Protein backbone atom coordinates (compact mmCIF):
# COMPACT_ATOMS: atom_id res chain seq x y z
CA MET A 1 169.86 89.01 221.18
CA SER A 2 168.75 87.70 217.80
CA SER A 3 166.54 85.15 219.54
CA LEU A 4 164.88 87.95 221.53
CA LEU A 5 164.28 90.02 218.38
CA LEU A 6 162.76 87.00 216.65
CA GLN A 7 160.44 86.42 219.60
CA LEU A 8 159.38 90.07 219.58
CA ALA A 9 158.77 89.93 215.85
CA VAL A 10 156.61 86.81 216.21
CA LEU A 11 154.72 88.45 219.08
CA GLY A 12 154.15 91.58 216.98
CA VAL A 13 152.79 89.55 214.06
CA ALA A 14 150.54 87.58 216.41
CA LEU A 15 149.18 90.76 218.00
CA ALA A 16 148.58 92.33 214.57
CA ALA A 17 146.76 89.19 213.40
CA ALA A 18 144.67 89.13 216.59
CA ALA A 19 143.80 92.81 216.16
CA LEU A 20 142.76 92.24 212.52
CA ILE A 21 140.59 89.28 213.51
CA LEU A 22 138.98 91.32 216.29
CA ILE A 23 138.30 94.29 213.98
CA SER A 24 136.90 91.94 211.31
CA PHE A 25 134.61 90.37 213.93
CA VAL A 26 133.39 93.80 215.08
CA ALA A 27 132.85 94.87 211.45
CA PHE A 28 130.90 91.69 210.76
CA ILE A 29 128.57 91.76 213.79
CA THR A 30 127.83 95.49 213.50
CA ALA A 31 126.99 95.33 209.77
CA THR A 32 123.47 95.58 208.45
CA LYS A 33 122.78 92.91 205.83
CA MET A 34 121.25 95.23 203.22
CA PRO A 35 120.90 99.00 202.87
CA HIS A 36 117.90 100.49 204.65
CA LEU A 37 115.79 101.92 201.84
CA HIS A 38 112.67 102.85 203.76
CA GLN A 39 111.05 106.26 203.22
CA HIS A 40 109.17 108.11 205.92
CA GLU A 41 105.60 108.81 204.76
CA ASP A 42 106.29 112.56 204.53
CA GLU A 43 109.27 111.89 202.25
CA LYS A 44 107.10 110.35 199.54
CA PHE A 45 105.71 113.76 198.56
CA PHE A 46 106.90 117.15 197.39
CA LEU A 47 105.15 120.52 197.32
CA ASN A 48 104.30 121.94 193.92
CA ALA A 49 104.61 125.67 193.21
CA ARG A 50 101.13 126.23 194.71
CA GLY A 51 102.12 124.50 197.94
CA GLN A 52 100.06 121.36 197.26
CA LYS A 53 101.36 117.86 197.94
CA GLU A 54 102.21 115.63 194.97
CA THR A 55 103.57 112.09 194.96
CA LEU A 56 107.22 111.74 194.01
CA PRO A 57 108.13 109.56 191.02
CA ASN A 58 110.36 106.49 191.23
CA ILE A 59 113.73 105.58 189.76
CA TRP A 60 112.17 102.42 188.31
CA ASP A 61 109.67 104.44 186.27
CA SER A 62 110.56 105.27 182.66
CA PRO A 63 112.56 108.53 182.38
CA THR A 64 110.75 111.67 181.19
CA LYS A 65 113.66 114.17 181.39
CA ARG A 66 117.04 114.29 179.71
CA LEU A 67 118.84 115.33 182.90
CA SER A 68 118.13 115.23 186.63
CA VAL A 69 120.32 117.23 188.99
CA VAL A 70 120.35 116.08 192.63
CA VAL A 71 121.63 118.62 195.16
CA PRO A 72 122.14 117.32 198.74
CA SER A 73 121.79 120.21 201.19
CA TYR A 74 122.35 120.40 204.92
CA ASN A 75 122.14 123.88 206.50
CA GLU A 76 122.87 125.49 203.12
CA GLU A 77 120.59 128.54 203.21
CA LYS A 78 123.55 130.86 202.54
CA ARG A 79 125.52 128.90 199.92
CA LEU A 80 122.64 127.29 198.01
CA PRO A 81 121.39 130.41 196.13
CA VAL A 82 124.73 130.98 194.38
CA MET A 83 124.81 127.38 193.16
CA MET A 84 121.14 127.38 192.11
CA ASP A 85 121.46 130.66 190.22
CA GLU A 86 124.42 129.36 188.23
CA ALA A 87 122.89 125.92 187.58
CA LEU A 88 119.45 127.16 186.57
CA GLY A 89 120.92 129.96 184.47
CA TYR A 90 122.94 127.38 182.54
CA LEU A 91 120.07 124.89 182.24
CA GLU A 92 117.56 127.50 181.07
CA GLU A 93 119.97 128.83 178.44
CA ARG A 94 120.69 125.31 177.21
CA GLN A 95 116.98 124.63 176.90
CA LYS A 96 116.51 127.82 174.87
CA GLN A 97 119.21 126.70 172.46
CA ASP A 98 117.91 123.13 172.33
CA PRO A 99 114.14 122.82 173.01
CA THR A 100 114.47 119.01 173.14
CA PHE A 101 116.65 119.33 176.24
CA THR A 102 114.58 118.87 179.41
CA TYR A 103 115.76 118.91 183.00
CA GLU A 104 114.85 118.93 186.67
CA VAL A 105 116.73 120.04 189.77
CA ILE A 106 115.97 118.13 192.97
CA VAL A 107 117.15 119.80 196.18
CA VAL A 108 117.24 117.30 199.04
CA ASP A 109 117.14 119.04 202.42
CA ASP A 110 118.90 116.55 204.68
CA GLY A 111 117.13 117.47 207.92
CA SER A 112 118.51 121.02 208.01
CA LYS A 113 118.08 123.22 211.07
CA ASP A 114 118.05 126.44 209.06
CA GLN A 115 115.84 127.72 206.20
CA THR A 116 117.33 125.54 203.44
CA SER A 117 113.95 124.16 202.32
CA LYS A 118 112.37 127.61 202.20
CA VAL A 119 115.26 129.03 200.19
CA ALA A 120 115.07 126.12 197.73
CA PHE A 121 111.27 126.35 197.47
CA LYS A 122 111.54 129.93 196.17
CA TYR A 123 113.19 128.47 193.07
CA CYS A 124 110.31 126.01 192.74
CA GLN A 125 107.90 128.95 192.80
CA LYS A 126 109.99 130.84 190.24
CA TYR A 127 110.65 128.03 187.76
CA GLY A 128 107.76 125.67 188.51
CA SER A 129 107.73 122.27 190.21
CA ASP A 130 108.29 120.44 186.92
CA LYS A 131 111.79 121.95 186.89
CA VAL A 132 112.62 122.42 190.58
CA ARG A 133 111.54 120.13 193.39
CA VAL A 134 112.40 120.14 197.08
CA ILE A 135 112.47 116.97 199.16
CA THR A 136 112.68 117.61 202.89
CA LEU A 137 113.94 114.62 204.86
CA VAL A 138 112.44 114.05 208.30
CA LYS A 139 115.85 113.40 209.85
CA ASN A 140 119.45 113.78 208.79
CA ARG A 141 120.68 110.75 206.82
CA GLY A 142 124.09 112.00 205.69
CA LYS A 143 125.17 113.21 202.27
CA GLY A 144 125.07 109.77 200.65
CA GLY A 145 121.62 109.05 202.08
CA ALA A 146 120.30 112.41 200.87
CA ILE A 147 121.63 111.87 197.35
CA ARG A 148 120.12 108.40 197.24
CA MET A 149 116.71 109.78 198.21
CA GLY A 150 116.96 112.36 195.43
CA ILE A 151 118.12 109.83 192.84
CA PHE A 152 115.31 107.45 193.72
CA SER A 153 112.84 110.29 193.02
CA SER A 154 114.41 111.44 189.76
CA ARG A 155 113.04 111.37 186.21
CA GLY A 156 116.20 111.82 184.14
CA GLU A 157 117.86 109.60 181.57
CA LYS A 158 121.09 110.84 183.11
CA ILE A 159 121.46 111.90 186.75
CA LEU A 160 123.99 114.40 188.04
CA MET A 161 124.90 114.78 191.70
CA ALA A 162 126.18 118.27 192.47
CA ASP A 163 127.19 119.88 195.76
CA ALA A 164 125.17 122.79 197.14
CA ASP A 165 128.28 124.94 197.59
CA GLY A 166 128.75 125.37 193.84
CA ALA A 167 132.47 124.54 194.09
CA THR A 168 132.41 122.93 190.64
CA LYS A 169 131.49 125.16 187.71
CA PHE A 170 128.13 123.85 186.56
CA PRO A 171 128.76 124.11 182.77
CA ASP A 172 131.39 121.39 183.29
CA VAL A 173 128.48 118.96 183.15
CA GLU A 174 129.13 118.99 179.41
CA LYS A 175 132.60 117.55 180.05
CA LEU A 176 131.03 114.73 182.06
CA GLU A 177 128.46 114.10 179.33
CA LYS A 178 131.24 113.79 176.75
CA GLY A 179 133.18 111.49 179.08
CA LEU A 180 130.08 109.35 179.52
CA ASN A 181 129.45 109.16 175.77
CA ASP A 182 133.07 108.20 175.13
CA LEU A 183 132.51 105.07 177.26
CA GLN A 184 129.93 103.67 174.85
CA PRO A 185 128.82 100.99 174.28
CA TRP A 186 127.50 100.90 177.85
CA PRO A 187 127.02 97.40 179.33
CA GLU A 188 123.36 97.13 180.35
CA GLN A 189 123.12 100.91 179.71
CA MET A 190 125.35 101.58 182.74
CA ALA A 191 128.18 104.11 182.90
CA ILE A 192 129.53 106.78 185.29
CA ALA A 193 131.57 109.95 184.74
CA CYS A 194 133.32 111.34 187.84
CA GLY A 195 134.42 114.94 188.11
CA SER A 196 138.01 115.09 189.30
CA ARG A 197 140.22 117.63 191.08
CA ALA A 198 143.34 115.48 190.79
CA HIS A 199 144.89 117.92 188.30
CA LEU A 200 144.73 120.59 191.03
CA GLU A 201 146.58 118.49 193.60
CA LYS A 202 149.93 120.29 193.40
CA GLU A 203 148.27 123.67 193.87
CA SER A 204 146.20 122.45 196.82
CA ILE A 205 149.26 120.94 198.52
CA ALA A 206 150.99 124.32 198.36
CA GLN A 207 148.06 125.87 200.25
CA ARG A 208 147.61 123.12 202.86
CA SER A 209 149.45 122.46 206.10
CA TYR A 210 151.84 119.48 206.19
CA PHE A 211 149.43 117.71 208.53
CA ARG A 212 146.44 118.05 206.18
CA THR A 213 148.64 116.99 203.25
CA LEU A 214 149.69 113.90 205.19
CA LEU A 215 146.04 113.09 205.95
CA MET A 216 145.14 113.51 202.26
CA TYR A 217 147.88 111.15 201.08
CA GLY A 218 146.98 108.65 203.80
CA PHE A 219 143.33 108.70 202.72
CA HIS A 220 144.24 108.27 199.04
CA PHE A 221 146.46 105.31 199.91
CA LEU A 222 143.69 103.64 201.93
CA VAL A 223 141.18 104.18 199.10
CA TRP A 224 143.59 102.57 196.62
CA PHE A 225 144.72 99.77 198.94
CA LEU A 226 141.32 98.79 200.34
CA CYS A 227 138.58 99.70 197.89
CA VAL A 228 138.96 101.52 194.57
CA LYS A 229 141.68 101.22 191.95
CA GLY A 230 142.25 103.59 189.05
CA ILE A 231 140.28 106.64 190.30
CA ARG A 232 142.50 109.41 191.64
CA ASP A 233 139.72 111.58 193.11
CA THR A 234 136.83 109.61 194.56
CA GLN A 235 135.45 112.45 196.67
CA CYS A 236 134.52 115.14 194.12
CA GLY A 237 130.79 115.83 194.52
CA PHE A 238 130.19 116.19 190.77
CA LYS A 239 129.30 112.82 189.26
CA LEU A 240 127.10 111.87 186.30
CA PHE A 241 125.30 108.52 186.01
CA THR A 242 123.16 106.82 183.45
CA ARG A 243 119.80 106.04 185.02
CA GLU A 244 120.60 102.35 185.11
CA ALA A 245 123.99 102.88 186.77
CA ALA A 246 122.47 105.13 189.44
CA SER A 247 119.77 102.57 190.18
CA ARG A 248 122.23 99.67 190.46
CA THR A 249 124.85 101.39 192.61
CA PHE A 250 122.66 103.41 194.99
CA SER A 251 120.40 100.40 195.62
CA SER A 252 123.40 98.55 197.03
CA LEU A 253 124.90 101.43 199.03
CA HIS A 254 125.40 100.97 202.77
CA ILE A 255 127.51 104.00 203.74
CA GLU A 256 125.40 107.16 203.94
CA ARG A 257 127.95 109.66 205.18
CA TRP A 258 131.29 111.03 203.98
CA ALA A 259 132.87 107.82 202.65
CA PHE A 260 129.81 106.88 200.57
CA ASP A 261 131.56 107.89 197.31
CA VAL A 262 134.20 105.22 197.86
CA GLU A 263 131.69 102.44 198.43
CA LEU A 264 129.68 103.68 195.45
CA LEU A 265 132.70 103.32 193.15
CA TYR A 266 133.63 100.00 194.78
CA ILE A 267 130.14 98.74 193.88
CA ALA A 268 130.46 100.12 190.34
CA GLN A 269 133.77 98.35 189.81
CA PHE A 270 132.33 95.12 191.23
CA PHE A 271 129.53 95.26 188.65
CA LYS A 272 132.10 96.22 185.95
CA ILE A 273 130.35 99.52 185.25
CA PRO A 274 132.69 101.65 183.10
CA ILE A 275 133.91 104.81 184.85
CA ALA A 276 135.48 107.91 183.32
CA GLU A 277 137.43 110.39 185.45
CA ILE A 278 137.11 113.91 184.04
CA ALA A 279 139.01 117.03 185.13
CA VAL A 280 136.66 119.84 186.21
CA ASN A 281 137.03 123.44 187.32
CA TRP A 282 136.82 123.57 191.10
CA THR A 283 137.13 126.32 193.70
CA GLU A 284 137.33 125.95 197.48
CA ILE A 285 134.19 127.47 199.05
CA GLU A 286 134.03 128.53 202.69
CA GLY A 287 131.59 126.74 204.98
CA SER A 288 132.66 123.10 204.60
CA LYS A 289 130.99 120.68 207.04
CA LEU A 290 134.17 118.58 207.28
CA VAL A 291 136.18 118.79 210.50
CA PRO A 292 139.65 117.88 209.11
CA PHE A 293 141.08 115.41 211.63
CA TRP A 294 137.92 113.72 212.92
CA SER A 295 136.24 113.54 209.50
CA TRP A 296 139.32 111.89 207.97
CA LEU A 297 139.52 109.50 210.93
CA GLN A 298 135.84 108.56 210.43
CA MET A 299 136.39 108.06 206.71
CA GLY A 300 139.46 105.92 207.38
CA LYS A 301 137.42 103.69 209.68
CA ASP A 302 134.64 103.51 207.08
CA LEU A 303 137.13 102.47 204.36
CA LEU A 304 138.49 99.65 206.52
CA PHE A 305 134.98 98.50 207.42
CA ILE A 306 133.82 98.63 203.78
CA ARG A 307 136.61 96.26 202.79
CA LEU A 308 136.22 93.93 205.77
CA ARG A 309 132.44 93.73 205.54
CA TYR A 310 132.51 92.73 201.89
CA LEU A 311 135.47 90.42 202.50
CA THR A 312 133.77 88.58 205.38
CA GLY A 313 130.44 88.36 203.57
CA ALA A 314 128.62 90.63 206.03
CA TRP A 315 127.73 92.73 202.99
CA ARG A 316 126.91 91.09 199.67
CA LEU A 317 126.20 92.75 196.37
CA GLU A 318 122.86 91.69 194.98
CA GLN A 319 120.54 92.77 192.22
CA THR A 320 118.59 96.00 192.49
CA LYS A 321 116.26 96.24 195.49
CA LYS A 322 113.28 98.58 195.32
CA MET A 323 112.52 101.08 198.04
CA ASN A 324 109.27 100.81 199.98
């Protein structure tokens, strides 16, 4: 009996090893060597308040604003106005109190099928294209891809990514700014402050089903085990970067959809960019694009492939690559 159990155990280990080798091989041969940073010709321009085309700036230009806010938006015509009203109300008031404070909000329409671009453009007409710009992508790239396109067209010394649903209270940007400043001195002027909902975990568990709670814990374990150590909430869509940190991390990003945050922080930790995790006020907003089971399954696959592709050398982290 013991001999049979030993044989089964050996067989199980062999099958697991064979499966890992097969998955690693698939991950390796399906990987692209470097992120695809190409812009469609129409994505190199934005419309000013008069509806005229102007060329977008570049992340490698010198900054001319204190803060850039990048808002990825996919079919957000209904939720975007609430977020924009709160953000612009805060930013305008801050500028009145401190005239040296300058900002821009960049809404990136990620190939929406609704009127997202038109809704966003009304704010450009109201506040002017120096403060609000709309980039309309020719096709859907995914949230990570949309944020990267916005960041690469930003003018800020610091760059904030913020979700279009307004789930995080916008004035909490000040908490991220303090967290960023507390990390000084910044190596090569690079630092990141991540908004975090980890302090709300107990409350959210009480409101979730056991199945969704199990998925959440499974995802957190995979993030910790495979990719990112020391960050409890990698997925909060409220993150602040120094210009240099944004350039370095997003230039190396491969994942453009839901798991992009994890790879982004994996890259940051590889380059030893200091990261602060800051508790923020967050409220669940209806209309999420995530389909619980399938989205978590996709993210789980992405996490495994992130680790295997870097481990096998299919993906390598290199110095900043400019977009053409």
